[in-house]
Amino acid sequence: MSDPGEIYLLECLKSFKGIKSTTEKAIIQIKDEEWHWSSDPESNSVAIILRHISGNLRSRFTDFLTTDGEKPDRNRDAEFVDSGISREVLLSEWETSWKILFDTLGQLTSASLTQTVYIRNEPHTVIRALQRQLVHYAYHSGQIVYLCKQIRAGNFKSLTIPRGASGDFLHSPPTSAT
């Protein structure tokens, strides 16, 4: 593959999948009742952040090339109210929303990248819109990982190289890029 646009789309797909995977590796470590914990009334719980990401994914990537990324039926403010929704419902919304993104990415071509799309009536190239969402979801994924680490304290299984183990990875043979 030598088309830079196709390479970019593949790298976006890998990055989005990585964000989803990292988040899932963190949330699997907390109990159902811990999904709703927050440090104070002004802070978000894991449940709230998951709901927000899901709502954002659905809104931004449904009819991505043809409609504004802020859909009229989205109630963003409601995403930030923890209504005690169950893990099962949250995960169902999560999976459905990510599927919308991945299906949309699968339909994009190199020629799509310079098209204009809108988010809240603001024009973006497809490239800019994808970058905007990558940064947004990475930000919230980091929040979720941090919350899960706080909740599990010393019982959180590291998602990267654990503290004090960097030396174990210094002289490892390179892995092939996939």
C-alpha atoms as a PDB file:
ATOM      1  CA  MET A   1       0.000   0.000   0.000  1.00  0.00           C
ATOM      2  CA  SER A   2       1.620   3.243  -1.105  1.00  0.00           C
ATOM      3  CA  ASP A   3      -1.306   5.685  -1.188  1.00  0.00           C
ATOM      4  CA  PRO A   4      -0.685   8.109   1.716  1.00  0.00           C
ATOM      5  CA  GLY A   5      -4.426   8.618   2.223  1.00  0.00           C
ATOM      6  CA  GLU A   6      -5.066   4.897   2.551  1.00  0.00           C
ATOM      7  CA  ILE A   7      -2.105   4.599   4.934  1.00  0.00           C
ATOM      8  CA  TYR A   8      -3.520   7.463   7.008  1.00  0.00           C
ATOM      9  CA  LEU A   9      -6.948   5.793   7.204  1.00  0.00           C
ATOM     10  CA  LEU A  10      -5.343   2.511   8.264  1.00  0.00           C
ATOM     11  CA  GLU A  11      -3.347   4.323  10.959  1.00  0.00           C
ATOM     12  CA  CYS A  12      -6.534   6.033  12.175  1.00  0.00           C
ATOM     13  CA  LEU A  13      -8.259   2.665  12.371  1.00  0.00           C
ATOM     14  CA  LYS A  14      -5.358   1.234  14.394  1.00  0.00           C
ATOM     15  CA  SER A  15      -5.359   4.243  16.722  1.00  0.00           C
ATOM     16  CA  PHE A  16      -9.116   4.137  17.323  1.00  0.00           C
ATOM     17  CA  LYS A  17      -8.927   0.372  17.968  1.00  0.00           C
ATOM     18  CA  GLY A  18      -6.068   0.974  20.392  1.00  0.00           C
ATOM     19  CA  ILE A  19      -8.067   3.574  22.335  1.00  0.00           C
ATOM     20  CA  LYS A  20     -11.047   1.225  22.532  1.00  0.00           C
ATOM     21  CA  SER A  21      -8.867  -1.682  23.638  1.00  0.00           C
ATOM     22  CA  THR A  22      -7.015   0.330  26.294  1.00  0.00           C
ATOM     23  CA  THR A  23     -10.292   1.552  27.752  1.00  0.00           C
ATOM     24  CA  GLU A  24     -11.730  -1.966  27.817  1.00  0.00           C
ATOM     25  CA  LYS A  25      -8.619  -3.389  29.514  1.00  0.00           C
ATOM     26  CA  ALA A  26      -9.095  -0.822  32.277  1.00  0.00           C
ATOM     27  CA  ILE A  27     -12.845  -1.146  32.797  1.00  0.00           C
ATOM     28  CA  ILE A  28     -12.748  -4.924  32.966  1.00  0.00           C
ATOM     29  CA  GLN A  29     -10.746  -4.523  36.173  1.00  0.00           C
ATOM     30  CA  ILE A  30     -13.495  -2.733  38.110  1.00  0.00           C
ATOM     31  CA  LYS A  31     -16.676  -4.115  39.663  1.00  0.00           C
ATOM     32  CA  ASP A  32     -20.164  -3.149  38.474  1.00  0.00           C
ATOM     33  CA  GLU A  33     -20.807  -0.829  41.412  1.00  0.00           C
ATOM     34  CA  GLU A  34     -17.436   0.887  40.882  1.00  0.00           C
ATOM     35  CA  TRP A  35     -18.458   2.120  37.424  1.00  0.00           C
ATOM     36  CA  HIS A  36     -20.432   4.883  39.147  1.00  0.00           C
ATOM     37  CA  TRP A  37     -17.761   6.071  41.598  1.00  0.00           C
ATOM     38  CA  SER A  38     -16.405   9.596  41.327  1.00  0.00           C
ATOM     39  CA  SER A  39     -14.107  11.502  43.632  1.00  0.00           C
ATOM     40  CA  ASP A  40     -16.584  14.373  44.082  1.00  0.00           C
ATOM     41  CA  PRO A  41     -19.933  15.617  42.705  1.00  0.00           C
ATOM     42  CA  GLU A  42     -18.244  17.667  39.970  1.00  0.00           C
ATOM     43  CA  SER A  43     -16.157  14.757  38.663  1.00  0.00           C
ATOM     44  CA  ASN A  44     -17.199  12.126  36.161  1.00  0.00           C
ATOM     45  CA  SER A  45     -17.500   8.423  36.824  1.00  0.00           C
ATOM     46  CA  VAL A  46     -16.392   5.719  34.420  1.00  0.00           C
ATOM     47  CA  ALA A  47     -20.064   5.232  33.527  1.00  0.00           C
ATOM     48  CA  ILE A  48     -20.493   8.906  32.639  1.00  0.00           C
ATOM     49  CA  ILE A  49     -17.366   9.018  30.481  1.00  0.00           C
ATOM     50  CA  LEU A  50     -18.326   5.805  28.664  1.00  0.00           C
ATOM     51  CA  ARG A  51     -21.789   7.180  27.992  1.00  0.00           C
ATOM     52  CA  HIS A  52     -20.311  10.445  26.723  1.00  0.00           C
ATOM     53  CA  ILE A  53     -17.872   8.699  24.376  1.00  0.00           C
ATOM     54  CA  SER A  54     -20.694   6.495  23.084  1.00  0.00           C
ATOM     55  CA  GLY A  55     -22.965   9.467  22.465  1.00  0.00           C
ATOM     56  CA  ASN A  56     -20.174  11.374  20.781  1.00  0.00           C
ATOM     57  CA  LEU A  57     -19.226   8.435  18.530  1.00  0.00           C
ATOM     58  CA  ARG A  58     -22.841   7.929  17.454  1.00  0.00           C
ATOM     59  CA  SER A  59     -23.354  11.609  16.785  1.00  0.00           C
ATOM     60  CA  ARG A  60     -20.094  12.273  14.973  1.00  0.00           C
ATOM     61  CA  PHE A  61     -19.970   9.192  12.759  1.00  0.00           C
ATOM     62  CA  THR A  62     -23.593   8.511  11.825  1.00  0.00           C
ATOM     63  CA  ASP A  63     -23.917   9.826   8.264  1.00  0.00           C
ATOM     64  CA  PHE A  64     -20.439  11.293   8.720  1.00  0.00           C
ATOM     65  CA  LEU A  65     -19.975  12.760   5.256  1.00  0.00           C
ATOM     66  CA  THR A  66     -23.498  14.092   4.794  1.00  0.00           C
ATOM     67  CA  THR A  67     -24.807  15.492   8.106  1.00  0.00           C
ATOM     68  CA  ASP A  68     -23.476  17.695  10.883  1.00  0.00           C
ATOM     69  CA  GLY A  69     -21.557  15.710  13.501  1.00  0.00           C
ATOM     70  CA  GLU A  70     -23.699  17.154  16.267  1.00  0.00           C
ATOM     71  CA  LYS A  71     -27.003  15.390  15.661  1.00  0.00           C
ATOM     72  CA  PRO A  72     -30.224  17.140  16.743  1.00  0.00           C
ATOM     73  CA  ASP A  73     -31.369  14.073  18.719  1.00  0.00           C
ATOM     74  CA  ARG A  74     -28.220  13.966  20.869  1.00  0.00           C
ATOM     75  CA  ASN A  75     -28.666  15.115  24.457  1.00  0.00           C
ATOM     76  CA  ARG A  76     -25.046  15.790  25.405  1.00  0.00           C
ATOM     77  CA  ASP A  77     -25.936  17.203  28.822  1.00  0.00           C
ATOM     78  CA  ALA A  78     -27.733  13.964  29.752  1.00  0.00           C
ATOM     79  CA  GLU A  79     -24.520  12.045  29.039  1.00  0.00           C
ATOM     80  CA  PHE A  80     -22.996  13.773  32.074  1.00  0.00           C
ATOM     81  CA  VAL A  81     -25.690  12.658  34.513  1.00  0.00           C
ATOM     82  CA  ASP A  82     -24.975   9.332  36.165  1.00  0.00           C
ATOM     83  CA  SER A  83     -28.383   7.706  36.232  1.00  0.00           C
ATOM     84  CA  GLY A  84     -27.040   4.391  37.548  1.00  0.00           C
ATOM     85  CA  ILE A  85     -27.349   2.724  34.161  1.00  0.00           C
ATOM     86  CA  SER A  86     -26.123  -0.877  34.192  1.00  0.00           C
ATOM     87  CA  ARG A  87     -22.795  -2.110  32.898  1.00  0.00           C
ATOM     88  CA  GLU A  88     -24.609  -4.251  30.320  1.00  0.00           C
ATOM     89  CA  VAL A  89     -26.512  -1.294  28.855  1.00  0.00           C
ATOM     90  CA  LEU A  90     -23.400   0.894  28.829  1.00  0.00           C
ATOM     91  CA  LEU A  91     -21.359  -1.798  27.085  1.00  0.00           C
ATOM     92  CA  SER A  92     -24.117  -2.338  24.535  1.00  0.00           C
ATOM     93  CA  GLU A  93     -24.149   1.407  23.733  1.00  0.00           C
ATOM     94  CA  TRP A  94     -20.327   1.358  23.661  1.00  0.00           C
ATOM     95  CA  GLU A  95     -20.135  -1.502  21.146  1.00  0.00           C
ATOM     96  CA  THR A  96     -22.905  -0.107  18.941  1.00  0.00           C
ATOM     97  CA  SER A  97     -21.241   3.305  18.804  1.00  0.00           C
ATOM     98  CA  TRP A  98     -17.780   1.973  18.004  1.00  0.00           C
ATOM     99  CA  LYS A  99     -19.304  -0.159  15.240  1.00  0.00           C
ATOM    100  CA  ILE A 100     -20.692   3.033  13.684  1.00  0.00           C
ATOM    101  CA  LEU A 101     -17.191   4.531  13.686  1.00  0.00           C
ATOM    102  CA  PHE A 102     -15.506   1.420  12.275  1.00  0.00           C
ATOM    103  CA  ASP A 103     -18.151   1.013   9.567  1.00  0.00           C
ATOM    104  CA  THR A 104     -17.697   4.675   8.613  1.00  0.00           C
ATOM    105  CA  LEU A 105     -13.911   4.360   8.479  1.00  0.00           C
ATOM    106  CA  GLY A 106     -14.303   1.323   6.245  1.00  0.00           C
ATOM    107  CA  GLN A 107     -16.262   3.409   3.739  1.00  0.00           C
ATOM    108  CA  LEU A 108     -13.792   6.293   3.554  1.00  0.00           C
ATOM    109  CA  THR A 109     -11.267   6.528   0.748  1.00  0.00           C
ATOM    110  CA  SER A 110      -8.189   8.589   0.147  1.00  0.00           C
ATOM    111  CA  ALA A 111     -10.358  10.968  -1.883  1.00  0.00           C
ATOM    112  CA  SER A 112     -12.668  11.454   1.138  1.00  0.00           C
ATOM    113  CA  LEU A 113      -9.932  12.967   3.274  1.00  0.00           C
ATOM    114  CA  THR A 114     -10.147  16.471   1.854  1.00  0.00           C
ATOM    115  CA  GLN A 115     -13.942  16.602   1.841  1.00  0.00           C
ATOM    116  CA  THR A 116     -15.565  19.062   4.209  1.00  0.00           C
ATOM    117  CA  VAL A 117     -17.680  17.802   7.089  1.00  0.00           C
ATOM    118  CA  TYR A 118     -19.315  19.843   9.805  1.00  0.00           C
ATOM    119  CA  ILE A 119     -19.290  19.603  13.575  1.00  0.00           C
ATOM    120  CA  ARG A 120     -21.640  22.102  15.223  1.00  0.00           C
ATOM    121  CA  ASN A 121     -21.783  23.994  11.932  1.00  0.00           C
ATOM    122  CA  GLU A 122     -17.981  24.401  11.904  1.00  0.00           C
ATOM    123  CA  PRO A 123     -16.282  23.126   8.725  1.00  0.00           C
ATOM    124  CA  HIS A 124     -13.527  20.510   9.031  1.00  0.00           C
ATOM    125  CA  THR A 125     -11.687  18.436   6.489  1.00  0.00           C
ATOM    126  CA  VAL A 126     -12.259  14.747   7.084  1.00  0.00           C
ATOM    127  CA  ILE A 127      -8.622  14.563   8.210  1.00  0.00           C
ATOM    128  CA  ARG A 128      -9.205  17.295  10.817  1.00  0.00           C
ATOM    129  CA  ALA A 129     -12.452  15.720  12.014  1.00  0.00           C
ATOM    130  CA  LEU A 130     -10.729  12.346  12.478  1.00  0.00           C
ATOM    131  CA  GLN A 131      -7.808  13.953  14.325  1.00  0.00           C
ATOM    132  CA  ARG A 132     -10.219  15.868  16.537  1.00  0.00           C
ATOM    133  CA  GLN A 133     -11.993  12.672  17.535  1.00  0.00           C
ATOM    134  CA  LEU A 134      -8.779  10.683  18.059  1.00  0.00           C
ATOM    135  CA  VAL A 135      -7.561  13.308  20.515  1.00  0.00           C
ATOM    136  CA  HIS A 136     -10.958  13.516  22.205  1.00  0.00           C
ATOM    137  CA  TYR A 137     -11.304   9.775  22.752  1.00  0.00           C
ATOM    138  CA  ALA A 138      -7.668   9.370  23.854  1.00  0.00           C
ATOM    139  CA  TYR A 139      -8.237  12.124  26.432  1.00  0.00           C
ATOM    140  CA  HIS A 140     -11.294  10.381  27.860  1.00  0.00           C
ATOM    141  CA  SER A 141      -9.663   6.948  27.694  1.00  0.00           C
ATOM    142  CA  GLY A 142      -6.841   8.304  29.842  1.00  0.00           C
ATOM    143  CA  GLN A 143      -9.400   9.614  32.328  1.00  0.00           C
ATOM    144  CA  ILE A 144     -11.023   6.186  32.507  1.00  0.00           C
ATOM    145  CA  VAL A 145      -7.686   4.430  33.018  1.00  0.00           C
ATOM    146  CA  TYR A 146      -6.804   6.894  35.776  1.00  0.00           C
ATOM    147  CA  LEU A 147     -10.180   6.386  37.488  1.00  0.00           C
ATOM    148  CA  CYS A 148      -9.843   2.603  37.303  1.00  0.00           C
ATOM    149  CA  LYS A 149      -6.344   2.821  38.795  1.00  0.00           C
ATOM    150  CA  GLN A 150      -7.707   4.959  41.649  1.00  0.00           C
ATOM    151  CA  ILE A 151     -10.587   2.580  42.256  1.00  0.00           C
ATOM    152  CA  ARG A 152      -8.452  -0.581  42.218  1.00  0.00           C
ATOM    153  CA  ALA A 153      -5.493   1.081  43.968  1.00  0.00           C
ATOM    154  CA  GLY A 154      -2.679  -1.458  44.263  1.00  0.00           C
ATOM    155  CA  ASN A 155      -4.730  -4.141  42.539  1.00  0.00           C
ATOM    156  CA  PHE A 156      -4.754  -2.531  39.091  1.00  0.00           C
ATOM    157  CA  LYS A 157      -2.956  -4.550  36.425  1.00  0.00           C
ATOM    158  CA  SER A 158      -0.746  -2.210  34.410  1.00  0.00           C
ATOM    159  CA  LEU A 159      -1.763  -1.682  30.783  1.00  0.00           C
ATOM    160  CA  THR A 160       1.768  -0.731  29.733  1.00  0.00           C
ATOM    161  CA  ILE A 161       5.229  -1.485  31.050  1.00  0.00           C
ATOM    162  CA  PRO A 162       4.878  -1.761  34.840  1.00  0.00           C
ATOM    163  CA  ARG A 163       6.952   0.474  37.098  1.00  0.00           C
ATOM    164  CA  GLY A 164      10.442  -0.851  37.561  1.00  0.00           C
ATOM    165  CA  ALA A 165      10.213  -3.183  34.559  1.00  0.00           C
ATOM    166  CA  SER A 166      11.508  -0.904  31.787  1.00  0.00           C
ATOM    167  CA  GLY A 167      14.784  -2.803  31.660  1.00  0.00           C
ATOM    168  CA  ASP A 168      12.913  -5.951  30.676  1.00  0.00           C
ATOM    169  CA  PHE A 169      11.907  -4.232  27.442  1.00  0.00           C
ATOM    170  CA  LEU A 170      15.099  -2.404  26.489  1.00  0.00           C
ATOM    171  CA  HIS A 171      16.759  -5.198  24.571  1.00  0.00           C
ATOM    172  CA  SER A 172      13.725  -6.991  23.228  1.00  0.00           C
ATOM    173  CA  PRO A 173      13.801  -7.742  19.505  1.00  0.00           C
ATOM    174  CA  PRO A 174      11.558  -5.446  17.479  1.00  0.00           C
ATOM    175  CA  THR A 175       8.055  -6.646  16.762  1.00  0.00           C
ATOM    176  CA  SER A 176       6.702  -6.572  13.251  1.00  0.00           C
ATOM    177  CA  ALA A 177       4.276  -3.801  12.411  1.00  0.00           C
ATOM    178  CA  THR A 178       0.809  -5.067  11.570  1.00  0.00           C
END
